[in-house]
Every structure is written in structure tokens, then in C-alpha cells.
Amino acid sequence: GQAIDCASVGQALPIEALQHMHRMKTGALLEASVLLGGVVAGASSTARAGLESYAAAMGLAFQVVDDILDVTADSVTLGKTAGKDAAQGKPTYVSIMGLEGSRELLDSLREQAYIALLPLGPSAGRLRELADYIIGRSH
């Protein structure tokens, strides 16, 4: 994923390629964390499939929010240089889909995450809260 990211600077990627790259970066880290928690908790195969889908949606959502914040927040709030992605010519969800399209994608990813958690029932409450936190974060 990181190699794709470095090789993509200055290029216009199709949305599918951008999603593939982020699934191999942030998505893979979140997926491993979520699935390991499910394994330790003794989750069924159905629950694990739901956790996998949830993690995939949240991995992409984290990056979409990051891309939105890069163009809408200031450097002090972010704790890093705002606008850095555009200045470096990195492909982002905002550069490909626009700000409104990126926000619509976030809504879709939240819905996907919620649906993926249905097999876990009430025990997925914290994961739903985590989805809301990831999507609603300001830095």
C-alpha cells in the first residue's frame, strides 16, 4: 500500500485504485485490530465476517476523513500541515470526488459499517461508537 502511495504522487488515480491502496494501508491495520479482537472474544464465523466488513468500511472512512480535513481544517487543529496532500500532488478522495462526493462516500461507509455489525447485536455498541468517532473526528 505504501509503495503504491509513493508511486502515485502526481498521478490521477481511478477511485478503485485509491481504495485499493488505502485498503492495503490504513484498512489493513484496522482490519487486523478488529479481527484479532473478534478472535480473542470467540466470535463466530458470521460475526467475524461482519467484523471484516466493518473494518474495511472504517479503514476507508478514516482515510476519507483525513483527506477532507486536509482541505478544510487548519494546521493547528490537525497537528500537521494542512493542504500538504494537494501541495505534494497526492491523489485523494477530495481531489477525485470533490468535497461533497467525499462526504457522501462517508455517509455510505458509515451505513456499511452499521449493517456489517448487525450480526453482533447489542454487543457491537462500542464499534458503532468508534465508527461515529472516526467519521466525526476533527483532527
C-alpha atoms as a PDB file:
ATOM      1  CA  GLY A   1       0.000   0.000   0.000  1.00  0.00           C
ATOM      2  CA  GLN A   2       2.747   2.437   0.924  1.00  0.00           C
ATOM      3  CA  ALA A   3       4.635   1.652  -2.274  1.00  0.00           C
ATOM      4  CA  ILE A   4       1.505   2.422  -4.305  1.00  0.00           C
ATOM      5  CA  ASP A   5       1.098   5.678  -2.373  1.00  0.00           C
ATOM      6  CA  CYS A   6       4.657   6.787  -3.127  1.00  0.00           C
ATOM      7  CA  ALA A   7       4.390   5.795  -6.791  1.00  0.00           C
ATOM      8  CA  SER A   8       1.072   7.659  -7.195  1.00  0.00           C
ATOM      9  CA  VAL A   9       2.294  11.165  -6.422  1.00  0.00           C
ATOM     10  CA  GLY A  10       1.425  13.474  -9.294  1.00  0.00           C
ATOM     11  CA  GLN A  11      -0.892  10.916 -10.913  1.00  0.00           C
ATOM     12  CA  ALA A  12      -4.653  10.886 -11.231  1.00  0.00           C
ATOM     13  CA  LEU A  13      -5.794   7.536  -9.871  1.00  0.00           C
ATOM     14  CA  PRO A  14      -9.176   5.977 -10.552  1.00  0.00           C
ATOM     15  CA  ILE A  15     -11.248   5.733  -7.359  1.00  0.00           C
ATOM     16  CA  GLU A  16     -10.866   1.931  -7.343  1.00  0.00           C
ATOM     17  CA  ALA A  17      -7.064   2.221  -7.275  1.00  0.00           C
ATOM     18  CA  LEU A  18      -7.212   4.769  -4.459  1.00  0.00           C
ATOM     19  CA  GLN A  19      -9.478   2.486  -2.430  1.00  0.00           C
ATOM     20  CA  HIS A  20      -7.204  -0.498  -3.100  1.00  0.00           C
ATOM     21  CA  MET A  21      -4.190   1.486  -1.874  1.00  0.00           C
ATOM     22  CA  HIS A  22      -5.945   2.533   1.333  1.00  0.00           C
ATOM     23  CA  ARG A  23      -7.265  -0.959   1.993  1.00  0.00           C
ATOM     24  CA  MET A  24      -3.633  -2.101   1.936  1.00  0.00           C
ATOM     25  CA  LYS A  25      -2.561   0.663   4.351  1.00  0.00           C
ATOM     26  CA  THR A  26      -4.943   2.038   6.975  1.00  0.00           C
ATOM     27  CA  GLY A  27      -7.549  -0.578   6.135  1.00  0.00           C
ATOM     28  CA  ALA A  28      -5.185  -3.467   6.797  1.00  0.00           C
ATOM     29  CA  LEU A  29      -4.196  -2.068  10.190  1.00  0.00           C
ATOM     30  CA  LEU A  30      -7.782  -1.548  11.274  1.00  0.00           C
ATOM     31  CA  GLU A  31      -8.865  -4.910   9.933  1.00  0.00           C
ATOM     32  CA  ALA A  32      -6.145  -6.745  11.851  1.00  0.00           C
ATOM     33  CA  SER A  33      -7.061  -4.929  15.071  1.00  0.00           C
ATOM     34  CA  VAL A  34     -10.778  -5.545  14.745  1.00  0.00           C
ATOM     35  CA  LEU A  35     -10.463  -9.192  13.670  1.00  0.00           C
ATOM     36  CA  LEU A  36      -7.988 -10.017  16.426  1.00  0.00           C
ATOM     37  CA  GLY A  37     -10.446  -8.616  18.934  1.00  0.00           C
ATOM     38  CA  GLY A  38     -13.127 -10.859  17.463  1.00  0.00           C
ATOM     39  CA  VAL A  39     -10.897 -13.919  17.600  1.00  0.00           C
ATOM     40  CA  VAL A  40      -9.964 -13.279  21.233  1.00  0.00           C
ATOM     41  CA  ALA A  41     -13.646 -12.766  22.109  1.00  0.00           C
ATOM     42  CA  GLY A  42     -14.556 -16.065  20.413  1.00  0.00           C
ATOM     43  CA  ALA A  43     -16.647 -14.519  17.647  1.00  0.00           C
ATOM     44  CA  SER A  44     -18.475 -16.892  15.325  1.00  0.00           C
ATOM     45  CA  SER A  45     -17.594 -17.060  11.641  1.00  0.00           C
ATOM     46  CA  THR A  46     -20.682 -14.941  10.866  1.00  0.00           C
ATOM     47  CA  ALA A  47     -19.601 -12.336  13.407  1.00  0.00           C
ATOM     48  CA  ARG A  48     -16.050 -12.371  12.025  1.00  0.00           C
ATOM     49  CA  ALA A  49     -17.362 -11.750   8.516  1.00  0.00           C
ATOM     50  CA  GLY A  50     -19.292  -8.777   9.870  1.00  0.00           C
ATOM     51  CA  LEU A  51     -16.199  -7.516  11.661  1.00  0.00           C
ATOM     52  CA  GLU A  52     -14.187  -7.833   8.462  1.00  0.00           C
ATOM     53  CA  SER A  53     -16.754  -5.788   6.505  1.00  0.00           C
ATOM     54  CA  TYR A  54     -16.941  -3.234   9.315  1.00  0.00           C
ATOM     55  CA  ALA A  55     -13.151  -2.850   9.396  1.00  0.00           C
ATOM     56  CA  ALA A  56     -12.963  -2.456   5.611  1.00  0.00           C
ATOM     57  CA  ALA A  57     -15.526   0.362   5.721  1.00  0.00           C
ATOM     58  CA  MET A  58     -13.813   2.063   8.652  1.00  0.00           C
ATOM     59  CA  GLY A  59     -10.357   1.812   7.065  1.00  0.00           C
ATOM     60  CA  LEU A  60     -11.609   3.707   4.040  1.00  0.00           C
ATOM     61  CA  ALA A  61     -13.642   6.105   6.171  1.00  0.00           C
ATOM     62  CA  PHE A  62     -10.583   7.026   8.219  1.00  0.00           C
ATOM     63  CA  GLN A  63      -8.712   7.991   5.062  1.00  0.00           C
ATOM     64  CA  VAL A  64     -11.649   9.853   3.518  1.00  0.00           C
ATOM     65  CA  VAL A  65     -11.943  11.948   6.696  1.00  0.00           C
ATOM     66  CA  ASP A  66      -8.190  12.545   6.621  1.00  0.00           C
ATOM     67  CA  ASP A  67      -8.444  13.794   3.033  1.00  0.00           C
ATOM     68  CA  ILE A  68     -11.393  16.059   3.874  1.00  0.00           C
ATOM     69  CA  LEU A  69      -9.628  17.511   6.900  1.00  0.00           C
ATOM     70  CA  ASP A  70      -6.530  18.179   4.816  1.00  0.00           C
ATOM     71  CA  VAL A  71      -8.544  20.724   2.812  1.00  0.00           C
ATOM     72  CA  THR A  72     -10.990  22.004   5.444  1.00  0.00           C
ATOM     73  CA  ALA A  73      -9.036  22.244   8.715  1.00  0.00           C
ATOM     74  CA  ASP A  74      -6.139  24.420   9.762  1.00  0.00           C
ATOM     75  CA  SER A  75      -2.656  23.192  10.627  1.00  0.00           C
ATOM     76  CA  VAL A  76      -3.043  23.884  14.364  1.00  0.00           C
ATOM     77  CA  THR A  77      -6.195  21.763  14.606  1.00  0.00           C
ATOM     78  CA  LEU A  78      -4.697  18.982  12.503  1.00  0.00           C
ATOM     79  CA  GLY A  79      -1.346  18.913  14.240  1.00  0.00           C
ATOM     80  CA  LYS A  80       0.254  18.714  10.801  1.00  0.00           C
ATOM     81  CA  THR A  81       0.486  20.907   7.734  1.00  0.00           C
ATOM     82  CA  ALA A  82      -2.947  21.436   6.210  1.00  0.00           C
ATOM     83  CA  GLY A  83      -3.076  21.245   2.413  1.00  0.00           C
ATOM     84  CA  LYS A  84       0.025  19.071   2.291  1.00  0.00           C
ATOM     85  CA  ASP A  85      -1.555  16.376   0.115  1.00  0.00           C
ATOM     86  CA  ALA A  86      -2.557  18.820  -2.626  1.00  0.00           C
ATOM     87  CA  ALA A  87       0.808  20.580  -2.440  1.00  0.00           C
ATOM     88  CA  GLN A  88       2.573  17.238  -2.929  1.00  0.00           C
ATOM     89  CA  GLY A  89       0.263  16.193  -5.766  1.00  0.00           C
ATOM     90  CA  LYS A  90      -1.067  13.157  -3.890  1.00  0.00           C
ATOM     91  CA  PRO A  91      -4.294  11.607  -5.144  1.00  0.00           C
ATOM     92  CA  THR A  92      -7.022  11.943  -2.520  1.00  0.00           C
ATOM     93  CA  TYR A  93     -10.734  11.298  -2.280  1.00  0.00           C
ATOM     94  CA  VAL A  94     -11.336  15.061  -2.387  1.00  0.00           C
ATOM     95  CA  SER A  95      -9.174  15.516  -5.498  1.00  0.00           C
ATOM     96  CA  ILE A  96     -11.018  12.684  -7.261  1.00  0.00           C
ATOM     97  CA  MET A  97     -14.591  13.026  -5.939  1.00  0.00           C
ATOM     98  CA  GLY A  98     -14.722  16.585  -4.667  1.00  0.00           C
ATOM     99  CA  LEU A  99     -15.608  17.615  -1.135  1.00  0.00           C
ATOM    100  CA  GLU A 100     -19.322  16.856  -1.394  1.00  0.00           C
ATOM    101  CA  GLY A 101     -18.723  13.493  -3.086  1.00  0.00           C
ATOM    102  CA  SER A 102     -16.260  12.577  -0.334  1.00  0.00           C
ATOM    103  CA  ARG A 103     -18.812  13.458   2.337  1.00  0.00           C
ATOM    104  CA  GLU A 104     -21.426  11.327   0.566  1.00  0.00           C
ATOM    105  CA  LEU A 105     -18.945   8.440   0.490  1.00  0.00           C
ATOM    106  CA  LEU A 106     -18.506   8.834   4.257  1.00  0.00           C
ATOM    107  CA  ASP A 107     -22.258   8.520   4.778  1.00  0.00           C
ATOM    108  CA  SER A 108     -22.250   5.347   2.688  1.00  0.00           C
ATOM    109  CA  LEU A 109     -19.287   3.891   4.603  1.00  0.00           C
ATOM    110  CA  ARG A 110     -20.994   4.599   7.950  1.00  0.00           C
ATOM    111  CA  GLU A 111     -24.102   2.775   6.721  1.00  0.00           C
ATOM    112  CA  GLN A 112     -21.974  -0.160   5.506  1.00  0.00           C
ATOM    113  CA  ALA A 113     -20.279  -0.342   8.913  1.00  0.00           C
ATOM    114  CA  TYR A 114     -23.594  -0.303  10.791  1.00  0.00           C
ATOM    115  CA  ILE A 115     -25.031  -3.036   8.551  1.00  0.00           C
ATOM    116  CA  ALA A 116     -21.891  -5.146   8.971  1.00  0.00           C
ATOM    117  CA  LEU A 117     -22.334  -5.005  12.754  1.00  0.00           C
ATOM    118  CA  LEU A 118     -25.933  -6.274  12.755  1.00  0.00           C
ATOM    119  CA  PRO A 119     -24.906  -9.937  13.355  1.00  0.00           C
ATOM    120  CA  LEU A 120     -23.193  -8.852  16.587  1.00  0.00           C
ATOM    121  CA  GLY A 121     -26.329  -7.305  18.048  1.00  0.00           C
ATOM    122  CA  PRO A 122     -26.082  -5.073  21.116  1.00  0.00           C
ATOM    123  CA  SER A 123     -22.520  -6.174  21.823  1.00  0.00           C
ATOM    124  CA  ALA A 124     -21.381  -4.047  18.856  1.00  0.00           C
ATOM    125  CA  GLY A 125     -22.325  -0.789  20.574  1.00  0.00           C
ATOM    126  CA  ARG A 126     -18.737   0.322  21.104  1.00  0.00           C
ATOM    127  CA  LEU A 127     -17.856  -0.444  17.485  1.00  0.00           C
ATOM    128  CA  ARG A 128     -20.771   1.727  16.339  1.00  0.00           C
ATOM    129  CA  GLU A 129     -19.463   4.488  18.619  1.00  0.00           C
ATOM    130  CA  LEU A 130     -16.000   4.040  17.128  1.00  0.00           C
ATOM    131  CA  ALA A 131     -17.443   4.396  13.609  1.00  0.00           C
ATOM    132  CA  ASP A 132     -19.125   7.648  14.641  1.00  0.00           C
ATOM    133  CA  TYR A 133     -15.888   8.892  16.200  1.00  0.00           C
ATOM    134  CA  ILE A 134     -13.782   8.055  13.126  1.00  0.00           C
ATOM    135  CA  ILE A 135     -16.251   9.729  10.777  1.00  0.00           C
ATOM    136  CA  GLY A 136     -16.903  12.727  13.009  1.00  0.00           C
ATOM    137  CA  ARG A 137     -13.333  13.496  14.065  1.00  0.00           C
ATOM    138  CA  SER A 138     -11.925  16.977  13.594  1.00  0.00           C
ATOM    139  CA  HIS A 139      -8.227  16.151  13.638  1.00  0.00           C
END
